[in-house]
Every structure is written in structure tokens, then in C-alpha cells.
């Protein structure tokens, strides 16, 4: 097996952060970093520590983050600051870095840029059967919580498709 690229994908959120690590066609890990119980002023520092840990543990060749934008409200701008931090960490570690809009990810992974989060989850779970357990939840908040992970996996799959486009055979 050749040295396959490892992708660390992050779906940033103010309450929950989805993450996934793909190595080649294998999903190494994925989950959600819950931030609801962390005081708002400590969330960014917690996320930064966790990202550094994922980079040390999984040694990705690229960090991919869902596109964020600047916001005039300081605590809402934390999402964008998280993206800037991830980009700086990638640069210091000589890793690749990319951001993608959610519509672009959904277009690549599902063929529909306006697909719902539930549709994204279903397609991702069909690709990685071990994730099917997260599709059906007994509470709406749990479904929303796990959709962060599915979005991160979709983000990694999108990036993987761009760096390794499928061959077209007739």
C-alpha cells in the first residue's frame, strides 16, 4: 500500500464541532467535539488544543475546514478565527490547507448542492456502514449533534475527490 494522504476535516460550530480523519478510502475516526458545556470564552482555546492533538495523533497531510466568514460580533467571529488558526497550524506544520463552501461539498458528494443535512448523513453512512448507528436517534438534538460529524466526513470526501478524481472509463 502506497503512502495514502491523510485528511483532517473540520465542520466548525459554536456549540459542536464535527471532525473526521480519512486515510485513503478508510475512515480512521470521526465524531463531534461538544462545546455546549464549555463557557463561551473558553471554547476557542479548547478547540485549538483539540485540533493540535488531532494533528499530532493522526499526522494529516492536509487540514480541510468548512468555509467560514468574518463576523462583526466578536463571539460569532470565533468560527472564522478557528479557520484562521487551523490555516496557521497547517502552514507551520507544512501541511496542505483548504476550505470549501457546504454547497460545493454537497454537490460533489451527493450531486445536489441544496441537499439537506439528513441526506448528507444518509449518503455518508452508506459509504461508511459503521456510521449508520448515528443516523437514527431517539431525540432531535442527538440527530443535529451527529450531523456535524457527517458534514465533516462529507468535507473530507469532497477534498479527496478533488485531489484524486475518479477515473472515467467507458
Foldseek 3Di string as FASTA:
>chain_A
DDQFAKEWFWEDDQAKIWIWIDGVLDTPDIFIDGCNVPPLVCVLVVVLVVVVVCCVVVVGQEYEYEDDDADPPVSVRSRVVSLVSRVVVCVVVVHHYYYHHQLLLCCVQPVGSPDDLLVLQVSLCVSPVVSPVQNDDPDPVSVVNGSNRSSRSSRVVSVVCVVPPDDDDD
